[in-house]
């Protein structure tokens, strides 16, 4: 069923993230990006949540450009 599909997709995602050997900063940023979802129901200020998410995106991008300069793009 749907639960089995979700479990399989989640397992594949976790395995790929392990293969990428992401550090705590990268994982923390990705968690924040997921958490700051402006489409979540019941939010009173979606624009503020979107702004926070964009700041995390920008921080993650800057961090990755510094950590992996050979992988631009």
N, C-alpha and C. Protein backbone atom coordinates (compact mmCIF):
# COMPACT_ATOMS: atom_id res chain seq x y z
N UNK A 1 0.81 -1.20 0.00
CA UNK A 1 0.00 0.00 0.00
C UNK A 1 0.85 1.25 0.00
N UNK A 2 0.20 2.33 0.33
CA UNK A 2 0.86 3.64 0.34
C UNK A 2 1.99 3.68 1.37
N UNK A 3 1.75 3.05 2.52
CA UNK A 3 2.78 3.03 3.56
C UNK A 3 4.05 2.34 3.10
N UNK A 4 3.91 1.25 2.38
CA UNK A 4 5.07 0.52 1.87
C UNK A 4 5.83 1.35 0.85
N UNK A 5 5.10 2.04 -0.01
CA UNK A 5 5.74 2.90 -1.01
C UNK A 5 6.50 4.03 -0.32
N UNK A 6 5.85 4.65 0.66
CA UNK A 6 6.50 5.73 1.41
C UNK A 6 7.78 5.23 2.08
N UNK A 7 7.71 4.07 2.72
CA UNK A 7 8.88 3.50 3.38
C UNK A 7 10.01 3.25 2.40
N UNK A 8 9.68 2.73 1.21
CA UNK A 8 10.70 2.45 0.21
C UNK A 8 11.35 3.74 -0.28
N UNK A 9 10.53 4.75 -0.55
CA UNK A 9 11.06 6.04 -1.02
C UNK A 9 11.94 6.67 0.05
N UNK A 10 11.48 6.64 1.29
CA UNK A 10 12.25 7.20 2.39
C UNK A 10 13.58 6.47 2.57
N UNK A 11 13.56 5.16 2.47
CA UNK A 11 14.79 4.37 2.59
C UNK A 11 15.76 4.72 1.47
N UNK A 12 15.27 4.85 0.25
CA UNK A 12 16.13 5.22 -0.88
C UNK A 12 16.73 6.61 -0.67
N UNK A 13 15.92 7.53 -0.18
CA UNK A 13 16.41 8.89 0.07
C UNK A 13 17.50 8.89 1.14
N UNK A 14 17.27 8.20 2.22
CA UNK A 14 18.26 8.13 3.30
C UNK A 14 19.55 7.49 2.79
N UNK A 15 19.44 6.43 2.01
CA UNK A 15 20.64 5.78 1.47
C UNK A 15 21.42 6.71 0.56
N UNK A 16 20.73 7.47 -0.27
CA UNK A 16 21.42 8.41 -1.16
C UNK A 16 22.10 9.51 -0.37
N UNK A 17 21.44 9.97 0.70
CA UNK A 17 22.04 11.01 1.53
C UNK A 17 23.28 10.47 2.24
N UNK A 18 23.24 9.22 2.67
CA UNK A 18 24.43 8.60 3.28
C UNK A 18 25.57 8.51 2.27
N UNK A 19 25.24 8.12 1.04
CA UNK A 19 26.25 8.01 -0.01
C UNK A 19 26.92 9.36 -0.27
N UNK A 20 26.16 10.44 -0.10
CA UNK A 20 26.69 11.79 -0.33
C UNK A 20 27.59 12.24 0.82
N UNK A 21 27.57 11.53 1.93
CA UNK A 21 28.37 11.85 3.11
C UNK A 21 28.19 13.31 3.54
N UNK A 22 26.93 13.70 3.67
CA UNK A 22 26.61 15.07 4.06
C UNK A 22 27.03 15.30 5.51
N UNK A 23 27.51 16.51 5.80
CA UNK A 23 27.90 16.82 7.17
C UNK A 23 26.71 17.40 7.95
N UNK A 24 26.95 17.71 9.22
CA UNK A 24 25.86 18.17 10.08
C UNK A 24 25.28 19.50 9.61
N UNK A 25 26.09 20.36 9.06
CA UNK A 25 25.60 21.65 8.56
C UNK A 25 24.65 21.45 7.39
N UNK A 26 25.05 20.61 6.45
CA UNK A 26 24.21 20.34 5.28
C UNK A 26 22.89 19.68 5.69
N UNK A 27 22.98 18.70 6.58
CA UNK A 27 21.76 18.03 7.04
C UNK A 27 20.86 18.98 7.81
N UNK A 28 21.45 19.83 8.63
CA UNK A 28 20.66 20.80 9.39
C UNK A 28 19.92 21.76 8.48
N UNK A 29 20.59 22.22 7.43
CA UNK A 29 19.95 23.12 6.47
C UNK A 29 18.80 22.42 5.75
N UNK A 30 19.02 21.19 5.34
CA UNK A 30 17.94 20.46 4.66
C UNK A 30 16.75 20.24 5.58
N UNK A 31 17.02 19.95 6.83
CA UNK A 31 15.92 19.80 7.79
C UNK A 31 15.14 21.10 7.94
N UNK A 32 15.86 22.21 8.01
CA UNK A 32 15.20 23.51 8.14
C UNK A 32 14.38 23.83 6.90
N UNK A 33 14.89 23.50 5.72
CA UNK A 33 14.16 23.75 4.48
C UNK A 33 12.84 22.98 4.47
N UNK A 34 12.89 21.74 4.95
CA UNK A 34 11.66 20.94 5.04
C UNK A 34 10.73 21.53 6.09
N UNK A 35 11.28 21.94 7.21
CA UNK A 35 10.47 22.48 8.31
C UNK A 35 9.79 23.79 7.91
N UNK A 36 10.53 24.68 7.25
CA UNK A 36 9.97 25.97 6.86
C UNK A 36 9.18 25.83 5.56
N UNK A 37 8.04 25.21 5.65
CA UNK A 37 7.17 24.96 4.51
C UNK A 37 6.05 26.00 4.47
N UNK A 38 6.11 26.96 3.55
CA UNK A 38 5.08 28.00 3.50
C UNK A 38 3.71 27.47 3.09
N UNK A 39 3.65 26.24 2.59
CA UNK A 39 2.38 25.65 2.17
C UNK A 39 1.70 24.87 3.29
N UNK A 40 2.32 24.83 4.47
CA UNK A 40 1.73 24.10 5.59
C UNK A 40 0.40 24.74 6.00
N UNK A 41 -0.55 23.91 6.34
CA UNK A 41 -1.87 24.41 6.72
C UNK A 41 -1.81 25.14 8.05
N UNK A 42 -2.62 26.19 8.16
CA UNK A 42 -2.77 26.90 9.42
C UNK A 42 -1.77 28.01 9.67
N UNK A 43 -0.90 28.28 8.73
CA UNK A 43 0.07 29.36 8.93
C UNK A 43 -0.60 30.71 8.75
N UNK A 44 -0.25 31.64 9.61
CA UNK A 44 -0.82 32.98 9.49
C UNK A 44 0.08 33.91 8.69
N UNK A 45 1.37 33.58 8.59
CA UNK A 45 2.30 34.46 7.88
C UNK A 45 3.20 33.63 6.96
N UNK A 46 2.64 33.20 5.85
CA UNK A 46 3.38 32.34 4.94
C UNK A 46 4.58 33.05 4.32
N UNK A 47 4.49 34.35 4.13
CA UNK A 47 5.61 35.08 3.52
C UNK A 47 6.83 35.07 4.43
N UNK A 48 6.63 35.13 5.73
CA UNK A 48 7.75 35.07 6.67
C UNK A 48 8.41 33.69 6.64
N UNK A 49 7.60 32.66 6.55
CA UNK A 49 8.14 31.29 6.48
C UNK A 49 8.91 31.12 5.18
N UNK A 50 8.38 31.64 4.09
CA UNK A 50 9.07 31.56 2.80
C UNK A 50 10.40 32.31 2.85
N UNK A 51 10.41 33.47 3.50
CA UNK A 51 11.64 34.24 3.65
C UNK A 51 12.69 33.47 4.44
N UNK A 52 12.27 32.83 5.52
CA UNK A 52 13.20 32.02 6.31
C UNK A 52 13.76 30.87 5.48
N UNK A 53 12.90 30.23 4.71
CA UNK A 53 13.34 29.12 3.87
C UNK A 53 14.36 29.61 2.84
N UNK A 54 14.10 30.75 2.23
CA UNK A 54 15.03 31.29 1.24
C UNK A 54 16.39 31.62 1.87
N UNK A 55 16.37 32.11 3.11
CA UNK A 55 17.63 32.40 3.81
C UNK A 55 18.42 31.11 4.04
N UNK A 56 17.73 30.05 4.39
CA UNK A 56 18.41 28.77 4.61
C UNK A 56 18.97 28.25 3.28
N UNK A 57 18.18 28.36 2.20
CA UNK A 57 18.68 27.96 0.88
C UNK A 57 19.97 28.71 0.55
N UNK A 58 19.96 30.02 0.76
CA UNK A 58 21.12 30.84 0.44
C UNK A 58 22.32 30.45 1.30
N UNK A 59 22.07 30.19 2.57
CA UNK A 59 23.16 29.78 3.47
C UNK A 59 23.74 28.44 3.05
N UNK A 60 22.88 27.50 2.69
CA UNK A 60 23.35 26.19 2.25
C UNK A 60 24.15 26.32 0.95
N UNK A 61 23.68 27.14 0.05
CA UNK A 61 24.41 27.33 -1.21
C UNK A 61 25.79 27.93 -0.95
N UNK A 62 25.86 28.95 -0.11
CA UNK A 62 27.15 29.58 0.20
C UNK A 62 28.09 28.59 0.88
N UNK A 63 27.55 27.81 1.80
CA UNK A 63 28.35 26.82 2.50
C UNK A 63 28.91 25.79 1.52
N UNK A 64 28.07 25.29 0.64
CA UNK A 64 28.50 24.27 -0.32
C UNK A 64 29.51 24.82 -1.31
N UNK A 65 29.34 26.06 -1.73
CA UNK A 65 30.32 26.66 -2.65
C UNK A 65 31.68 26.79 -1.99
N UNK A 66 31.68 27.08 -0.69
CA UNK A 66 32.94 27.19 0.03
C UNK A 66 33.55 25.81 0.27
N UNK A 67 32.73 24.85 0.66
CA UNK A 67 33.22 23.52 1.00
C UNK A 67 33.61 22.71 -0.24
N UNK A 68 32.89 22.91 -1.33
CA UNK A 68 33.12 22.13 -2.56
C UNK A 68 33.35 23.07 -3.74
N UNK A 69 34.43 23.85 -3.74
CA UNK A 69 34.63 24.84 -4.82
C UNK A 69 34.79 24.20 -6.20
N UNK A 70 35.22 22.94 -6.23
CA UNK A 70 35.42 22.27 -7.52
C UNK A 70 34.11 21.81 -8.14
N UNK A 71 33.01 21.90 -7.40
CA UNK A 71 31.72 21.42 -7.89
C UNK A 71 30.75 22.57 -8.16
N UNK A 72 31.22 23.66 -8.69
CA UNK A 72 30.35 24.81 -8.97
C UNK A 72 29.29 24.42 -9.98
N UNK A 73 28.08 24.97 -9.74
CA UNK A 73 27.01 24.76 -10.70
C UNK A 73 25.99 23.85 -10.29
